């Protein structure tokens, strides 16, 4: 939960690095909240909460993904590869699961 809160606090911080743990815990909590809101939306037949949550979480998710890519030595612009169907998703998944590099142009290796 700490990683999710930290990602929200760093709302529009596109510099620096994020560890695998930071990124994947953010993604897990984001997914769990989204599923919970999906259940609520189905119960009340309203997608308002889902829409508001998606708008709220859009920039933080791009920012944390950018910091994760920085941790692997890549620029955040690699997120544009999502545009390529299926291949983009596979390439990004490979990038996001890679281990952290030592100190690089995006900063020192994050402490765990």
PDB file of N, CA and C in Angstrom:
ATOM      1  N   UNK A   1       0.827  -1.195   0.000  1.00  0.00           N
ATOM      2  CA  UNK A   1       0.000   0.000   0.000  1.00  0.00           C
ATOM      3  C   UNK A   1       0.870   1.258   0.000  1.00  0.00           C
ATOM      4  N   UNK A   2       2.018   1.178   0.679  1.00  0.00           N
ATOM      5  CA  UNK A   2       2.928   2.322   0.747  1.00  0.00           C
ATOM      6  C   UNK A   2       3.357   2.766  -0.648  1.00  0.00           C
ATOM      7  N   UNK A   3       3.639   1.814  -1.531  1.00  0.00           N
ATOM      8  CA  UNK A   3       4.100   2.142  -2.875  1.00  0.00           C
ATOM      9  C   UNK A   3       3.016   2.889  -3.657  1.00  0.00           C
ATOM     10  N   UNK A   4       1.765   2.492  -3.457  1.00  0.00           N
ATOM     11  CA  UNK A   4       0.659   3.153  -4.148  1.00  0.00           C
ATOM     12  C   UNK A   4       0.532   4.597  -3.674  1.00  0.00           C
ATOM     13  N   UNK A   5       0.580   4.793  -2.372  1.00  0.00           N
ATOM     14  CA  UNK A   5       0.473   6.143  -1.806  1.00  0.00           C
ATOM     15  C   UNK A   5       1.645   7.002  -2.269  1.00  0.00           C
ATOM     16  N   UNK A   6       2.833   6.423  -2.273  1.00  0.00           N
ATOM     17  CA  UNK A   6       4.011   7.165  -2.717  1.00  0.00           C
ATOM     18  C   UNK A   6       3.897   7.569  -4.188  1.00  0.00           C
ATOM     19  N   UNK A   7       3.362   6.677  -5.009  1.00  0.00           N
ATOM     20  CA  UNK A   7       3.179   7.002  -6.429  1.00  0.00           C
ATOM     21  C   UNK A   7       2.172   8.138  -6.593  1.00  0.00           C
ATOM     22  N   UNK A   8       1.138   8.157  -5.765  1.00  0.00           N
ATOM     23  CA  UNK A   8       0.154   9.237  -5.820  1.00  0.00           C
ATOM     24  C   UNK A   8       0.797  10.543  -5.352  1.00  0.00           C
ATOM     25  N   UNK A   9       1.628  10.470  -4.314  1.00  0.00           N
ATOM     26  CA  UNK A   9       2.305  11.671  -3.825  1.00  0.00           C
ATOM     27  C   UNK A   9       3.261  12.238  -4.874  1.00  0.00           C
ATOM     28  N   UNK A  10       3.862  11.364  -5.654  1.00  0.00           N
ATOM     29  CA  UNK A  10       4.756  11.791  -6.738  1.00  0.00           C
ATOM     30  C   UNK A  10       3.954  11.923  -8.033  1.00  0.00           C
ATOM     31  N   UNK A  11       2.771  12.479  -7.913  1.00  0.00           N
ATOM     32  CA  UNK A  11       1.739  12.526  -8.949  1.00  0.00           C
ATOM     33  C   UNK A  11       2.277  12.788 -10.355  1.00  0.00           C
ATOM     34  N   UNK A  12       3.043  13.835 -10.508  1.00  0.00           N
ATOM     35  CA  UNK A  12       3.521  14.187 -11.841  1.00  0.00           C
ATOM     36  C   UNK A  12       5.044  14.271 -11.873  1.00  0.00           C
ATOM     37  N   UNK A  13       5.703  13.423 -11.099  1.00  0.00           N
ATOM     38  CA  UNK A  13       7.161  13.399 -11.080  1.00  0.00           C
ATOM     39  C   UNK A  13       7.643  12.365 -12.095  1.00  0.00           C
ATOM     40  N   UNK A  14       8.179  12.871 -13.183  1.00  0.00           N
ATOM     41  CA  UNK A  14       8.628  11.992 -14.252  1.00  0.00           C
ATOM     42  C   UNK A  14      10.135  11.786 -14.224  1.00  0.00           C
ATOM     43  N   UNK A  15      10.792  12.338 -13.222  1.00  0.00           N
ATOM     44  CA  UNK A  15      12.237  12.148 -13.092  1.00  0.00           C
ATOM     45  C   UNK A  15      12.500  11.168 -11.961  1.00  0.00           C
ATOM     46  N   UNK A  16      13.685  10.612 -11.953  1.00  0.00           N
ATOM     47  CA  UNK A  16      14.025   9.649 -10.917  1.00  0.00           C
ATOM     48  C   UNK A  16      13.738   8.227 -11.349  1.00  0.00           C
ATOM     49  N   UNK A  17      13.738   7.336 -10.377  1.00  0.00           N
ATOM     50  CA  UNK A  17      13.615   5.913 -10.666  1.00  0.00           C
ATOM     51  C   UNK A  17      12.623   5.262  -9.712  1.00  0.00           C
ATOM     52  N   UNK A  18      12.041   4.147 -10.159  1.00  0.00           N
ATOM     53  CA  UNK A  18      11.136   3.347  -9.333  1.00  0.00           C
ATOM     54  C   UNK A  18      11.572   1.888  -9.425  1.00  0.00           C
ATOM     55  N   UNK A  19      11.665   1.228  -8.296  1.00  0.00           N
ATOM     56  CA  UNK A  19      12.062  -0.179  -8.280  1.00  0.00           C
ATOM     57  C   UNK A  19      10.943  -1.056  -8.831  1.00  0.00           C
ATOM     58  N   UNK A  20      11.285  -2.310  -9.076  1.00  0.00           N
ATOM     59  CA  UNK A  20      10.250  -3.253  -9.506  1.00  0.00           C
ATOM     60  C   UNK A  20       9.162  -3.350  -8.457  1.00  0.00           C
ATOM     61  N   UNK A  21       9.546  -3.404  -7.186  1.00  0.00           N
ATOM     62  CA  UNK A  21       8.551  -3.501  -6.111  1.00  0.00           C
ATOM     63  C   UNK A  21       7.617  -2.298  -6.126  1.00  0.00           C
ATOM     64  N   UNK A  22       8.170  -1.098  -6.269  1.00  0.00           N
ATOM     65  CA  UNK A  22       7.341   0.110  -6.327  1.00  0.00           C
ATOM     66  C   UNK A  22       6.319   0.008  -7.459  1.00  0.00           C
ATOM     67  N   UNK A  23       6.803  -0.350  -8.631  1.00  0.00           N
ATOM     68  CA  UNK A  23       5.933  -0.398  -9.802  1.00  0.00           C
ATOM     69  C   UNK A  23       4.859  -1.480  -9.680  1.00  0.00           C
ATOM     70  N   UNK A  24       5.257  -2.695  -9.330  1.00  0.00           N
ATOM     71  CA  UNK A  24       4.301  -3.798  -9.324  1.00  0.00           C
ATOM     72  C   UNK A  24       3.320  -3.718  -8.159  1.00  0.00           C
ATOM     73  N   UNK A  25       3.734  -3.170  -7.024  1.00  0.00           N
ATOM     74  CA  UNK A  25       2.779  -2.970  -5.924  1.00  0.00           C
ATOM     75  C   UNK A  25       1.770  -1.885  -6.296  1.00  0.00           C
ATOM     76  N   UNK A  26       2.235  -0.824  -6.940  1.00  0.00           N
ATOM     77  CA  UNK A  26       1.318   0.204  -7.438  1.00  0.00           C
ATOM     78  C   UNK A  26       0.315  -0.424  -8.398  1.00  0.00           C
ATOM     79  N   UNK A  27       0.805  -1.238  -9.331  1.00  0.00           N
ATOM     80  CA  UNK A  27      -0.057  -1.867 -10.326  1.00  0.00           C
ATOM     81  C   UNK A  27      -1.058  -2.818  -9.673  1.00  0.00           C
ATOM     82  N   UNK A  28      -0.612  -3.600  -8.694  1.00  0.00           N
ATOM     83  CA  UNK A  28      -1.508  -4.528  -8.003  1.00  0.00           C
ATOM     84  C   UNK A  28      -2.622  -3.783  -7.270  1.00  0.00           C
ATOM     85  N   UNK A  29      -2.271  -2.759  -6.525  1.00  0.00           N
ATOM     86  CA  UNK A  29      -3.279  -2.016  -5.765  1.00  0.00           C
ATOM     87  C   UNK A  29      -4.215  -1.276  -6.713  1.00  0.00           C
ATOM     88  N   UNK A  30      -3.664  -0.718  -7.777  1.00  0.00           N
ATOM     89  CA  UNK A  30      -4.484  -0.076  -8.811  1.00  0.00           C
ATOM     90  C   UNK A  30      -5.493  -1.084  -9.370  1.00  0.00           C
ATOM     91  N   UNK A  31      -5.049  -2.282  -9.680  1.00  0.00           N
ATOM     92  CA  UNK A  31      -5.919  -3.324 -10.221  1.00  0.00           C
ATOM     93  C   UNK A  31      -7.008  -3.718  -9.222  1.00  0.00           C
ATOM     94  N   UNK A  32      -6.634  -3.904  -7.952  1.00  0.00           N
ATOM     95  CA  UNK A  32      -7.611  -4.293  -6.931  1.00  0.00           C
ATOM     96  C   UNK A  32      -8.670  -3.212  -6.717  1.00  0.00           C
ATOM     97  N   UNK A  33      -8.242  -1.961  -6.690  1.00  0.00           N
ATOM     98  CA  UNK A  33      -9.206  -0.863  -6.548  1.00  0.00           C
ATOM     99  C   UNK A  33     -10.125  -0.815  -7.764  1.00  0.00           C
ATOM    100  N   UNK A  34      -9.560  -1.001  -8.937  1.00  0.00           N
ATOM    101  CA  UNK A  34     -10.357  -0.967 -10.159  1.00  0.00           C
ATOM    102  C   UNK A  34     -11.396  -2.092 -10.171  1.00  0.00           C
ATOM    103  N   UNK A  35     -10.995  -3.287  -9.761  1.00  0.00           N
ATOM    104  CA  UNK A  35     -11.940  -4.413  -9.712  1.00  0.00           C
ATOM    105  C   UNK A  35     -13.048  -4.133  -8.703  1.00  0.00           C
ATOM    106  N   UNK A  36     -12.686  -3.587  -7.541  1.00  0.00           N
ATOM    107  CA  UNK A  36     -13.695  -3.246  -6.532  1.00  0.00           C
ATOM    108  C   UNK A  36     -14.676  -2.211  -7.086  1.00  0.00           C
ATOM    109  N   UNK A  37     -14.165  -1.207  -7.769  1.00  0.00           N
ATOM    110  CA  UNK A  37     -15.043  -0.198  -8.362  1.00  0.00           C
ATOM    111  C   UNK A  37     -15.885  -0.781  -9.491  1.00  0.00           C
ATOM    112  N   UNK A  38     -15.346  -1.760 -10.187  1.00  0.00           N
ATOM    113  CA  UNK A  38     -16.093  -2.437 -11.243  1.00  0.00           C
ATOM    114  C   UNK A  38     -17.294  -3.177 -10.660  1.00  0.00           C
ATOM    115  N   UNK A  39     -17.090  -3.826  -9.521  1.00  0.00           N
ATOM    116  CA  UNK A  39     -18.185  -4.526  -8.837  1.00  0.00           C
ATOM    117  C   UNK A  39     -19.247  -3.524  -8.391  1.00  0.00           C
ATOM    118  N   UNK A  40     -18.804  -2.412  -7.811  1.00  0.00           N
ATOM    119  CA  UNK A  40     -19.741  -1.372  -7.374  1.00  0.00           C
ATOM    120  C   UNK A  40     -20.487  -0.797  -8.576  1.00  0.00           C
ATOM    121  N   UNK A  41     -19.778  -0.559  -9.662  1.00  0.00           N
ATOM    122  CA  UNK A  41     -20.403  -0.015 -10.869  1.00  0.00           C
ATOM    123  C   UNK A  41     -21.452  -0.971 -11.426  1.00  0.00           C
ATOM    124  N   UNK A  42     -21.165  -2.253 -11.395  1.00  0.00           N
ATOM    125  CA  UNK A  42     -22.129  -3.241 -11.880  1.00  0.00           C
ATOM    126  C   UNK A  42     -23.354  -3.289 -10.978  1.00  0.00           C
ATOM    127  N   UNK A  43     -23.135  -3.173  -9.680  1.00  0.00           N
ATOM    128  CA  UNK A  43     -24.243  -3.212  -8.721  1.00  0.00           C
ATOM    129  C   UNK A  43     -25.175  -2.019  -8.897  1.00  0.00           C
ATOM    130  N   UNK A  44     -24.603  -0.849  -9.082  1.00  0.00           N
ATOM    131  CA  UNK A  44     -25.404   0.373  -9.186  1.00  0.00           C
ATOM    132  C   UNK A  44     -25.646   0.808 -10.630  1.00  0.00           C
ATOM    133  N   UNK A  45     -25.169   0.036 -11.577  1.00  0.00           N
ATOM    134  CA  UNK A  45     -25.320   0.312 -13.006  1.00  0.00           C
ATOM    135  C   UNK A  45     -24.899   1.741 -13.348  1.00  0.00           C
ATOM    136  N   UNK A  46     -23.744   2.118 -12.830  1.00  0.00           N
ATOM    137  CA  UNK A  46     -23.189   3.444 -13.076  1.00  0.00           C
ATOM    138  C   UNK A  46     -21.672   3.328 -13.189  1.00  0.00           C
ATOM    139  N   UNK A  47     -21.137   3.957 -14.178  1.00  0.00           N
ATOM    140  CA  UNK A  47     -19.686   3.913 -14.372  1.00  0.00           C
ATOM    141  C   UNK A  47     -19.003   5.200 -13.915  1.00  0.00           C
ATOM    142  N   UNK A  48     -19.709   6.037 -13.191  1.00  0.00           N
ATOM    143  CA  UNK A  48     -19.157   7.320 -12.757  1.00  0.00           C
ATOM    144  C   UNK A  48     -17.893   7.141 -11.917  1.00  0.00           C
ATOM    145  N   UNK A  49     -17.930   6.237 -10.934  1.00  0.00           N
ATOM    146  CA  UNK A  49     -16.753   6.021 -10.087  1.00  0.00           C
ATOM    147  C   UNK A  49     -15.566   5.496 -10.889  1.00  0.00           C
ATOM    148  N   UNK A  50     -15.827   4.582 -11.811  1.00  0.00           N
ATOM    149  CA  UNK A  50     -14.748   4.058 -12.660  1.00  0.00           C
ATOM    150  C   UNK A  50     -14.130   5.166 -13.504  1.00  0.00           C
ATOM    151  N   UNK A  51     -14.968   6.002 -14.053  1.00  0.00           N
ATOM    152  CA  UNK A  51     -14.478   7.105 -14.879  1.00  0.00           C
ATOM    153  C   UNK A  51     -13.641   8.072 -14.059  1.00  0.00           C
ATOM    154  N   UNK A  52     -14.130   8.459 -12.887  1.00  0.00           N
ATOM    155  CA  UNK A  52     -13.392   9.386 -12.028  1.00  0.00           C
ATOM    156  C   UNK A  52     -12.062   8.790 -11.575  1.00  0.00           C
ATOM    157  N   UNK A  53     -12.074   7.511 -11.198  1.00  0.00           N
ATOM    158  CA  UNK A  53     -10.837   6.856 -10.772  1.00  0.00           C
ATOM    159  C   UNK A  53      -9.840   6.784 -11.927  1.00  0.00           C
ATOM    160  N   UNK A  54     -10.320   6.457 -13.112  1.00  0.00           N
ATOM    161  CA  UNK A  54      -9.438   6.373 -14.281  1.00  0.00           C
ATOM    162  C   UNK A  54      -8.803   7.722 -14.597  1.00  0.00           C
ATOM    163  N   UNK A  55      -9.582   8.786 -14.488  1.00  0.00           N
ATOM    164  CA  UNK A  55      -9.036  10.127 -14.720  1.00  0.00           C
ATOM    165  C   UNK A  55      -8.011  10.465 -13.650  1.00  0.00           C
ATOM    166  N   UNK A  56      -8.335  10.159 -12.394  1.00  0.00           N
ATOM    167  CA  UNK A  56      -7.453  10.467 -11.267  1.00  0.00           C
ATOM    168  C   UNK A  56      -6.119   9.724 -11.367  1.00  0.00           C
ATOM    169  N   UNK A  57      -6.143   8.470 -11.811  1.00  0.00           N
ATOM    170  CA  UNK A  57      -4.957   7.614 -11.763  1.00  0.00           C
ATOM    171  C   UNK A  57      -4.134   7.670 -13.058  1.00  0.00           C
ATOM    172  N   UNK A  58      -4.637   8.340 -14.085  1.00  0.00           N
ATOM    173  CA  UNK A  58      -3.972   8.355 -15.388  1.00  0.00           C
ATOM    174  C   UNK A  58      -2.546   8.905 -15.313  1.00  0.00           C
ATOM    175  N   UNK A  59      -2.372  10.111 -14.812  1.00  0.00           N
ATOM    176  CA  UNK A  59      -1.039  10.731 -14.750  1.00  0.00           C
ATOM    177  C   UNK A  59      -0.110   9.974 -13.796  1.00  0.00           C
ATOM    178  N   UNK A  60      -0.563   9.594 -12.580  1.00  0.00           N
ATOM    179  CA  UNK A  60       0.350   8.831 -11.712  1.00  0.00           C
ATOM    180  C   UNK A  60       0.820   7.520 -12.333  1.00  0.00           C
ATOM    181  N   UNK A  61      -0.037   6.845 -13.088  1.00  0.00           N
ATOM    182  CA  UNK A  61       0.384   5.575 -13.690  1.00  0.00           C
ATOM    183  C   UNK A  61       1.420   5.804 -14.791  1.00  0.00           C
ATOM    184  N   UNK A  62       1.268   6.863 -15.557  1.00  0.00           N
ATOM    185  CA  UNK A  62       2.281   7.185 -16.567  1.00  0.00           C
ATOM    186  C   UNK A  62       3.590   7.568 -15.885  1.00  0.00           C
ATOM    187  N   UNK A  63       3.487   8.347 -14.801  1.00  0.00           N
ATOM    188  CA  UNK A  63       4.692   8.796 -14.089  1.00  0.00           C
ATOM    189  C   UNK A  63       5.450   7.621 -13.479  1.00  0.00           C
ATOM    190  N   UNK A  64       4.745   6.701 -12.807  1.00  0.00           N
ATOM    191  CA  UNK A  64       5.435   5.572 -12.171  1.00  0.00           C
ATOM    192  C   UNK A  64       6.019   4.633 -13.230  1.00  0.00           C
ATOM    193  N   UNK A  65       5.353   4.496 -14.362  1.00  0.00           N
ATOM    194  CA  UNK A  65       5.902   3.676 -15.444  1.00  0.00           C
ATOM    195  C   UNK A  65       7.150   4.333 -16.031  1.00  0.00           C
ATOM    196  N   UNK A  66       7.127   5.652 -16.165  1.00  0.00           N
ATOM    197  CA  UNK A  66       8.312   6.372 -16.641  1.00  0.00           C
ATOM    198  C   UNK A  66       9.481   6.158 -15.690  1.00  0.00           C
ATOM    199  N   UNK A  67       9.226   6.283 -14.388  1.00  0.00           N
ATOM    200  CA  UNK A  67      10.303   6.083 -13.409  1.00  0.00           C
ATOM    201  C   UNK A  67      10.798   4.643 -13.430  1.00  0.00           C
ATOM    202  N   UNK A  68       9.905   3.687 -13.669  1.00  0.00           N
ATOM    203  CA  UNK A  68      10.321   2.274 -13.763  1.00  0.00           C
ATOM    204  C   UNK A  68      11.207   2.072 -14.991  1.00  0.00           C
ATOM    205  N   UNK A  69      10.833   2.668 -16.110  1.00  0.00           N
ATOM    206  CA  UNK A  69      11.665   2.566 -17.307  1.00  0.00           C
ATOM    207  C   UNK A  69      13.016   3.229 -17.077  1.00  0.00           C
ATOM    208  N   UNK A  70      13.037   4.346 -16.367  1.00  0.00           N
ATOM    209  CA  UNK A  70      14.312   4.991 -16.025  1.00  0.00           C
ATOM    210  C   UNK A  70      15.191   4.037 -15.228  1.00  0.00           C
ATOM    211  N   UNK A  71      14.577   3.249 -14.359  1.00  0.00           N
ATOM    212  CA  UNK A  71      15.336   2.312 -13.535  1.00  0.00           C
ATOM    213  C   UNK A  71      16.024   1.248 -14.382  1.00  0.00           C
ATOM    214  N   UNK A  72      15.451   0.962 -15.541  1.00  0.00           N
ATOM    215  CA  UNK A  72      16.064  -0.021 -16.441  1.00  0.00           C
ATOM    216  C   UNK A  72      16.952   0.643 -17.488  1.00  0.00           C
ATOM    217  N   UNK A  73      17.154   1.961 -17.361  1.00  0.00           N
ATOM    218  CA  UNK A  73      18.035   2.675 -18.272  1.00  0.00           C
ATOM    219  C   UNK A  73      17.365   3.144 -19.549  1.00  0.00           C
ATOM    220  N   UNK A  74      16.040   3.178 -19.574  1.00  0.00           N
ATOM    221  CA  UNK A  74      15.304   3.595 -20.771  1.00  0.00           C
ATOM    222  C   UNK A  74      14.557   4.897 -20.501  1.00  0.00           C
ATOM    223  N   UNK A  75      14.254   5.597 -21.559  1.00  0.00           N
ATOM    224  CA  UNK A  75      13.470   6.814 -21.453  1.00  0.00           C
ATOM    225  C   UNK A  75      11.984   6.477 -21.320  1.00  0.00           C
ATOM    226  N   UNK A  76      11.230   7.393 -20.758  1.00  0.00           N
ATOM    227  CA  UNK A  76       9.792   7.189 -20.594  1.00  0.00           C
ATOM    228  C   UNK A  76       9.030   7.149 -21.909  1.00  0.00           C
ATOM    229  N   UNK A  77       9.645   7.655 -22.959  1.00  0.00           N
ATOM    230  CA  UNK A  77       8.996   7.639 -24.265  1.00  0.00           C
ATOM    231  C   UNK A  77       8.747   6.221 -24.775  1.00  0.00           C
ATOM    232  N   UNK A  78       9.399   5.236 -24.195  1.00  0.00           N
ATOM    233  CA  UNK A  78       9.162   3.842 -24.588  1.00  0.00           C
ATOM    234  C   UNK A  78       7.709   3.435 -24.351  1.00  0.00           C
ATOM    235  N   UNK A  79       6.987   4.176 -23.536  1.00  0.00           N
ATOM    236  CA  UNK A  79       5.575   3.851 -23.305  1.00  0.00           C
ATOM    237  C   UNK A  79       4.744   3.958 -24.581  1.00  0.00           C
ATOM    238  N   UNK A  80       5.228   4.724 -25.530  1.00  0.00           N
ATOM    239  CA  UNK A  80       4.505   4.847 -26.799  1.00  0.00           C
ATOM    240  C   UNK A  80       4.443   3.525 -27.553  1.00  0.00           C
ATOM    241  N   UNK A  81       5.266   2.571 -27.178  1.00  0.00           N
ATOM    242  CA  UNK A  81       5.246   1.269 -27.845  1.00  0.00           C
ATOM    243  C   UNK A  81       3.934   0.521 -27.562  1.00  0.00           C
ATOM    244  N   UNK A  82       3.205   0.964 -26.531  1.00  0.00           N
ATOM    245  CA  UNK A  82       1.884   0.380 -26.268  1.00  0.00           C
ATOM    246  C   UNK A  82       0.954   0.536 -27.469  1.00  0.00           C
ATOM    247  N   UNK A  83       1.238   1.503 -28.321  1.00  0.00           N
ATOM    248  CA  UNK A  83       0.398   1.745 -29.497  1.00  0.00           C
ATOM    249  C   UNK A  83       0.408   0.537 -30.434  1.00  0.00           C
ATOM    250  N   UNK A  84       1.520  -0.176 -30.485  1.00  0.00           N
ATOM    251  CA  UNK A  84       1.636  -1.351 -31.358  1.00  0.00           C
ATOM    252  C   UNK A  84       0.887  -2.513 -30.690  1.00  0.00           C
ATOM    253  N   UNK A  85      -0.181  -2.996 -31.334  1.00  0.00           N
ATOM    254  CA  UNK A  85      -0.972  -4.061 -30.716  1.00  0.00           C
ATOM    255  C   UNK A  85      -0.141  -5.304 -30.398  1.00  0.00           C
ATOM    256  N   UNK A  86      -0.371  -5.884 -29.273  1.00  0.00           N
ATOM    257  CA  UNK A  86       0.223  -7.102 -28.739  1.00  0.00           C
ATOM    258  C   UNK A  86       1.742  -7.025 -28.588  1.00  0.00           C
ATOM    259  N   UNK A  87       2.446  -6.699 -29.651  1.00  0.00           N
ATOM    260  CA  UNK A  87       3.912  -6.617 -29.587  1.00  0.00           C
ATOM    261  C   UNK A  87       4.333  -5.560 -28.566  1.00  0.00           C
ATOM    262  N   UNK A  88       3.671  -4.417 -28.585  1.00  0.00           N
ATOM    263  CA  UNK A  88       3.988  -3.346 -27.644  1.00  0.00           C
ATOM    264  C   UNK A  88       3.804  -3.782 -26.207  1.00  0.00           C
ATOM    265  N   UNK A  89       2.733  -4.504 -25.937  1.00  0.00           N
ATOM    266  CA  UNK A  89       2.465  -4.997 -24.586  1.00  0.00           C
ATOM    267  C   UNK A  89       3.542  -5.982 -24.139  1.00  0.00           C
ATOM    268  N   UNK A  90       3.928  -6.873 -25.024  1.00  0.00           N
ATOM    269  CA  UNK A  90       4.960  -7.865 -24.699  1.00  0.00           C
ATOM    270  C   UNK A  90       6.308  -7.186 -24.440  1.00  0.00           C
ATOM    271  N   UNK A  91       6.676  -6.243 -25.300  1.00  0.00           N
ATOM    272  CA  UNK A  91       7.949  -5.536 -25.132  1.00  0.00           C
ATOM    273  C   UNK A  91       7.960  -4.771 -23.812  1.00  0.00           C
ATOM    274  N   UNK A  92       6.871  -4.054 -23.510  1.00  0.00           N
ATOM    275  CA  UNK A  92       6.815  -3.295 -22.253  1.00  0.00           C
ATOM    276  C   UNK A  92       6.880  -4.226 -21.051  1.00  0.00           C
ATOM    277  N   UNK A  93       6.211  -5.353 -21.112  1.00  0.00           N
ATOM    278  CA  UNK A  93       6.257  -6.306 -20.008  1.00  0.00           C
ATOM    279  C   UNK A  93       7.688  -6.772 -19.764  1.00  0.00           C
ATOM    280  N   UNK A  94       8.408  -7.062 -20.828  1.00  0.00           N
ATOM    281  CA  UNK A  94       9.817  -7.464 -20.703  1.00  0.00           C
ATOM    282  C   UNK A  94      10.634  -6.347 -20.066  1.00  0.00           C
ATOM    283  N   UNK A  95      10.429  -5.118 -20.520  1.00  0.00           N
ATOM    284  CA  UNK A  95      11.161  -3.976 -19.953  1.00  0.00           C
ATOM    285  C   UNK A  95      10.855  -3.797 -18.469  1.00  0.00           C
ATOM    286  N   UNK A  96       9.580  -3.939 -18.099  1.00  0.00           N
ATOM    287  CA  UNK A  96       9.159  -3.639 -16.729  1.00  0.00           C
ATOM    288  C   UNK A  96       9.569  -4.702 -15.717  1.00  0.00           C
ATOM    289  N   UNK A  97       9.819  -5.921 -16.163  1.00  0.00           N
ATOM    290  CA  UNK A  97      10.226  -6.966 -15.217  1.00  0.00           C
ATOM    291  C   UNK A  97      11.740  -7.080 -15.085  1.00  0.00           C
ATOM    292  N   UNK A  98      12.479  -6.362 -15.910  1.00  0.00           N
ATOM    293  CA  UNK A  98      13.938  -6.429 -15.831  1.00  0.00           C
ATOM    294  C   UNK A  98      14.441  -5.857 -14.511  1.00  0.00           C
ATOM    295  N   UNK A  99      15.575  -6.369 -14.085  1.00  0.00           N
ATOM    296  CA  UNK A  99      16.191  -5.908 -12.837  1.00  0.00           C
ATOM    297  C   UNK A  99      16.685  -4.477 -12.982  1.00  0.00           C
ATOM    298  N   UNK A 100      16.826  -3.823 -11.851  1.00  0.00           N
ATOM    299  CA  UNK A 100      17.346  -2.456 -11.821  1.00  0.00           C
ATOM    300  C   UNK A 100      18.795  -2.444 -12.263  1.00  0.00           C
ATOM    301  N   UNK A 101      19.170  -1.379 -12.950  1.00  0.00           N
ATOM    302  CA  UNK A 101      20.568  -1.183 -13.306  1.00  0.00           C
ATOM    303  C   UNK A 101      21.257  -0.471 -12.153  1.00  0.00           C
ATOM    304  N   UNK A 102      22.558  -0.511 -12.181  1.00  0.00           N
ATOM    305  CA  UNK A 102      23.321   0.294 -11.221  1.00  0.00           C
ATOM    306  C   UNK A 102      23.015   1.759 -11.508  1.00  0.00           C
ATOM    307  N   UNK A 103      23.737   2.651 -10.874  1.00  0.00           N
ATOM    308  CA  UNK A 103      23.541   4.075 -11.124  1.00  0.00           C
ATOM    309  C   UNK A 103      23.567   4.340 -12.629  1.00  0.00           C
ATOM    310  N   UNK A 104      22.625   5.153 -13.109  1.00  0.00           N
ATOM    311  CA  UNK A 104      22.591   5.492 -14.530  1.00  0.00           C
ATOM    312  C   UNK A 104      22.262   6.973 -14.689  1.00  0.00           C
ATOM    313  N   UNK A 105      21.996   7.405 -15.915  1.00  0.00           N
ATOM    314  CA  UNK A 105      21.768   8.826 -16.177  1.00  0.00           C
ATOM    315  C   UNK A 105      20.508   9.361 -15.502  1.00  0.00           C
ATOM    316  N   UNK A 106      19.652   8.482 -14.977  1.00  0.00           N
ATOM    317  CA  UNK A 106      18.420   8.905 -14.321  1.00  0.00           C
ATOM    318  C   UNK A 106      18.557   8.968 -12.808  1.00  0.00           C
ATOM    319  N   UNK A 107      19.710   8.651 -12.296  1.00  0.00           N
ATOM    320  CA  UNK A 107      19.942   8.760 -10.859  1.00  0.00           C
ATOM    321  C   UNK A 107      20.605   7.527 -10.281  1.00  0.00           C
ATOM    322  N   UNK A 108      20.777   7.580  -8.970  1.00  0.00           N
ATOM    323  CA  UNK A 108      21.379   6.448  -8.269  1.00  0.00           C
ATOM    324  C   UNK A 108      20.370   5.319  -8.154  1.00  0.00           C
ATOM    325  N   UNK A 109      20.889   4.110  -7.967  1.00  0.00           N
ATOM    326  CA  UNK A 109      20.025   2.952  -7.816  1.00  0.00           C
ATOM    327  C   UNK A 109      19.157   3.143  -6.573  1.00  0.00           C
ATOM    328  N   UNK A 110      17.828   2.963  -6.702  1.00  0.00           N
ATOM    329  CA  UNK A 110      16.941   3.164  -5.554  1.00  0.00           C
ATOM    330  C   UNK A 110      17.225   2.156  -4.441  1.00  0.00           C
ATOM    331  N   UNK A 111      17.054   2.615  -3.228  1.00  0.00           N
ATOM    332  CA  UNK A 111      17.193   1.729  -2.077  1.00  0.00           C
ATOM    333  C   UNK A 111      15.906   0.957  -1.904  1.00  0.00           C
ATOM    334  N   UNK A 112      16.014  -0.265  -1.479  1.00  0.00           N
ATOM    335  CA  UNK A 112      14.823  -1.094  -1.289  1.00  0.00           C
ATOM    336  C   UNK A 112      14.239  -0.846   0.073  1.00  0.00           C
TER     337      UNK A 112
END
